[in-house]
């Protein structure tokens, strides 16, 4: 029972601290477009590379 009581008190305090911090926070900055473009290119490149390696491995197993 003590653990439940102390846990609920700690939870109430942490929620209150988060609400105060969230109200004082500034809106996030806009990301730089070059960083976004680089991320998209790398993400798509890795996805295509992974799909190509899986397809190539499947083709190698069919030949055997």
N, C-alpha and C. Protein backbone atom coordinates (compact mmCIF):
# COMPACT_ATOMS: atom_id res chain seq x y z
N UNK A 1 0.82 -1.18 0.00
CA UNK A 1 0.00 0.00 0.00
C UNK A 1 0.87 1.26 0.00
N UNK A 2 1.99 1.18 0.74
CA UNK A 2 2.88 2.34 0.80
C UNK A 2 3.48 2.61 -0.59
N UNK A 3 3.85 1.53 -1.30
CA UNK A 3 4.44 1.71 -2.63
C UNK A 3 3.45 2.36 -3.58
N UNK A 4 2.19 1.99 -3.49
CA UNK A 4 1.16 2.58 -4.33
C UNK A 4 0.99 4.05 -4.02
N UNK A 5 0.98 4.39 -2.73
CA UNK A 5 0.83 5.78 -2.32
C UNK A 5 2.02 6.62 -2.78
N UNK A 6 3.23 6.14 -2.53
CA UNK A 6 4.41 6.89 -2.95
C UNK A 6 4.51 6.98 -4.47
N UNK A 7 4.12 5.92 -5.16
CA UNK A 7 4.14 5.95 -6.62
C UNK A 7 3.16 6.94 -7.19
N UNK A 8 1.97 7.02 -6.60
CA UNK A 8 0.99 7.99 -7.10
C UNK A 8 1.42 9.43 -6.82
N UNK A 9 2.07 9.65 -5.69
CA UNK A 9 2.59 10.99 -5.38
C UNK A 9 3.69 11.37 -6.36
N UNK A 10 4.60 10.45 -6.65
CA UNK A 10 5.68 10.73 -7.59
C UNK A 10 5.12 10.96 -8.99
N UNK A 11 4.11 10.20 -9.38
CA UNK A 11 3.49 10.39 -10.69
C UNK A 11 2.83 11.76 -10.79
N UNK A 12 2.13 12.16 -9.75
CA UNK A 12 1.47 13.47 -9.75
C UNK A 12 2.48 14.60 -9.85
N UNK A 13 3.60 14.47 -9.16
CA UNK A 13 4.63 15.50 -9.22
C UNK A 13 5.29 15.56 -10.59
N UNK A 14 5.54 14.42 -11.19
CA UNK A 14 6.20 14.42 -12.50
C UNK A 14 5.26 14.96 -13.58
N UNK A 15 3.98 14.66 -13.50
CA UNK A 15 3.02 15.18 -14.47
C UNK A 15 2.93 16.69 -14.34
N UNK A 16 2.93 17.18 -13.13
CA UNK A 16 2.88 18.62 -12.91
C UNK A 16 4.13 19.31 -13.44
N UNK A 17 5.29 18.72 -13.23
CA UNK A 17 6.53 19.31 -13.73
C UNK A 17 6.55 19.31 -15.25
N UNK A 18 6.03 18.26 -15.86
CA UNK A 18 5.99 18.20 -17.32
C UNK A 18 5.05 19.26 -17.88
N UNK A 19 3.93 19.49 -17.24
CA UNK A 19 2.97 20.48 -17.71
C UNK A 19 3.58 21.88 -17.65
N UNK A 20 4.33 22.18 -16.61
CA UNK A 20 4.97 23.50 -16.50
C UNK A 20 6.03 23.64 -17.58
N UNK A 21 6.82 22.59 -17.81
CA UNK A 21 7.88 22.64 -18.81
C UNK A 21 7.30 22.75 -20.21
N UNK A 22 6.22 22.05 -20.48
CA UNK A 22 5.64 22.07 -21.82
C UNK A 22 5.04 23.44 -22.12
N UNK A 23 4.52 24.12 -21.12
CA UNK A 23 3.92 25.43 -21.35
C UNK A 23 4.99 26.47 -21.66
N UNK A 24 6.19 26.31 -21.09
CA UNK A 24 7.25 27.29 -21.29
C UNK A 24 8.08 27.01 -22.53
N UNK A 25 7.87 25.88 -23.17
CA UNK A 25 8.70 25.51 -24.32
C UNK A 25 8.34 26.36 -25.53
N UNK A 26 9.34 26.67 -26.32
CA UNK A 26 9.12 27.42 -27.56
C UNK A 26 8.76 26.45 -28.67
N UNK A 27 8.12 26.94 -29.71
CA UNK A 27 7.81 26.04 -30.82
C UNK A 27 9.10 25.55 -31.49
N UNK A 28 9.09 24.34 -32.02
CA UNK A 28 10.32 23.81 -32.62
C UNK A 28 10.72 24.59 -33.86
N UNK A 29 12.02 24.60 -34.13
CA UNK A 29 12.53 25.27 -35.31
C UNK A 29 12.27 24.42 -36.55
N UNK A 30 12.15 25.05 -37.68
CA UNK A 30 11.96 24.33 -38.94
C UNK A 30 13.29 23.68 -39.35
N UNK A 31 13.26 22.43 -39.77
CA UNK A 31 14.51 21.79 -40.21
C UNK A 31 15.01 22.39 -41.53
N UNK A 32 16.30 22.31 -41.73
CA UNK A 32 16.89 22.82 -42.97
C UNK A 32 16.51 21.88 -44.11
N UNK A 33 16.10 22.41 -45.26
CA UNK A 33 15.64 21.54 -46.35
C UNK A 33 16.73 20.60 -46.89
N UNK A 34 17.98 21.02 -46.85
CA UNK A 34 19.05 20.15 -47.36
C UNK A 34 19.17 18.90 -46.50
N UNK A 35 19.05 19.06 -45.19
CA UNK A 35 19.09 17.90 -44.31
C UNK A 35 17.95 16.94 -44.57
N UNK A 36 16.77 17.48 -44.84
CA UNK A 36 15.62 16.64 -45.14
C UNK A 36 15.83 15.88 -46.45
N UNK A 37 16.35 16.57 -47.45
CA UNK A 37 16.60 15.94 -48.76
C UNK A 37 17.64 14.84 -48.63
N UNK A 38 18.71 15.10 -47.88
CA UNK A 38 19.75 14.09 -47.68
C UNK A 38 19.18 12.87 -46.97
N UNK A 39 18.35 13.10 -45.95
CA UNK A 39 17.74 11.99 -45.24
C UNK A 39 16.87 11.16 -46.18
N UNK A 40 16.05 11.81 -46.99
CA UNK A 40 15.16 11.09 -47.90
C UNK A 40 15.97 10.28 -48.91
N UNK A 41 17.01 10.88 -49.47
CA UNK A 41 17.84 10.18 -50.45
C UNK A 41 18.51 8.96 -49.82
N UNK A 42 19.07 9.13 -48.62
CA UNK A 42 19.72 8.00 -47.96
C UNK A 42 18.72 6.92 -47.57
N UNK A 43 17.57 7.32 -47.06
CA UNK A 43 16.56 6.35 -46.65
C UNK A 43 16.07 5.53 -47.83
N UNK A 44 15.73 6.21 -48.92
CA UNK A 44 15.26 5.50 -50.12
C UNK A 44 16.38 4.64 -50.69
N UNK A 45 17.61 5.16 -50.69
CA UNK A 45 18.74 4.38 -51.19
C UNK A 45 18.97 3.11 -50.40
N UNK A 46 18.90 3.20 -49.06
CA UNK A 46 19.06 2.00 -48.24
C UNK A 46 17.92 1.02 -48.46
N UNK A 47 16.70 1.52 -48.61
CA UNK A 47 15.55 0.62 -48.86
C UNK A 47 15.70 -0.10 -50.19
N UNK A 48 16.10 0.63 -51.23
CA UNK A 48 16.29 0.02 -52.55
C UNK A 48 17.44 -0.97 -52.50
N UNK A 49 18.53 -0.61 -51.84
CA UNK A 49 19.67 -1.52 -51.72
C UNK A 49 19.32 -2.79 -50.97
N UNK A 50 18.53 -2.66 -49.90
CA UNK A 50 18.11 -3.84 -49.15
C UNK A 50 17.22 -4.73 -50.01
N UNK A 51 16.27 -4.13 -50.72
CA UNK A 51 15.37 -4.92 -51.57
C UNK A 51 16.16 -5.61 -52.68
N UNK A 52 17.14 -4.93 -53.25
CA UNK A 52 17.96 -5.52 -54.31
C UNK A 52 18.77 -6.70 -53.78
N UNK A 53 19.33 -6.56 -52.56
CA UNK A 53 20.11 -7.67 -52.00
C UNK A 53 19.22 -8.87 -51.69
N UNK A 54 18.00 -8.64 -51.20
CA UNK A 54 17.08 -9.75 -50.93
C UNK A 54 16.69 -10.42 -52.24
N UNK A 55 16.39 -9.63 -53.27
CA UNK A 55 16.00 -10.17 -54.57
C UNK A 55 17.14 -10.98 -55.19
N UNK A 56 18.37 -10.45 -55.06
CA UNK A 56 19.53 -11.15 -55.61
C UNK A 56 19.77 -12.46 -54.88
N UNK A 57 19.60 -12.45 -53.56
CA UNK A 57 19.81 -13.68 -52.78
C UNK A 57 18.75 -14.72 -53.13
N UNK A 58 17.51 -14.27 -53.37
CA UNK A 58 16.44 -15.19 -53.74
C UNK A 58 16.71 -15.78 -55.13
N UNK A 59 17.25 -14.96 -56.04
CA UNK A 59 17.58 -15.45 -57.38
C UNK A 59 18.72 -16.46 -57.34
N UNK A 60 19.67 -16.26 -56.44
CA UNK A 60 20.79 -17.20 -56.31
C UNK A 60 20.32 -18.55 -55.78
N UNK A 61 19.33 -18.55 -54.87
CA UNK A 61 18.82 -19.81 -54.32
C UNK A 61 18.03 -20.59 -55.37
N UNK A 62 17.35 -19.90 -56.29
CA UNK A 62 16.58 -20.58 -57.31
C UNK A 62 17.49 -21.31 -58.30
N UNK A 63 18.67 -20.76 -58.56
CA UNK A 63 19.61 -21.37 -59.53
C UNK A 63 20.19 -22.67 -58.98
N UNK A 64 20.29 -22.81 -57.69
CA UNK A 64 20.91 -24.01 -57.12
C UNK A 64 20.04 -25.22 -57.18
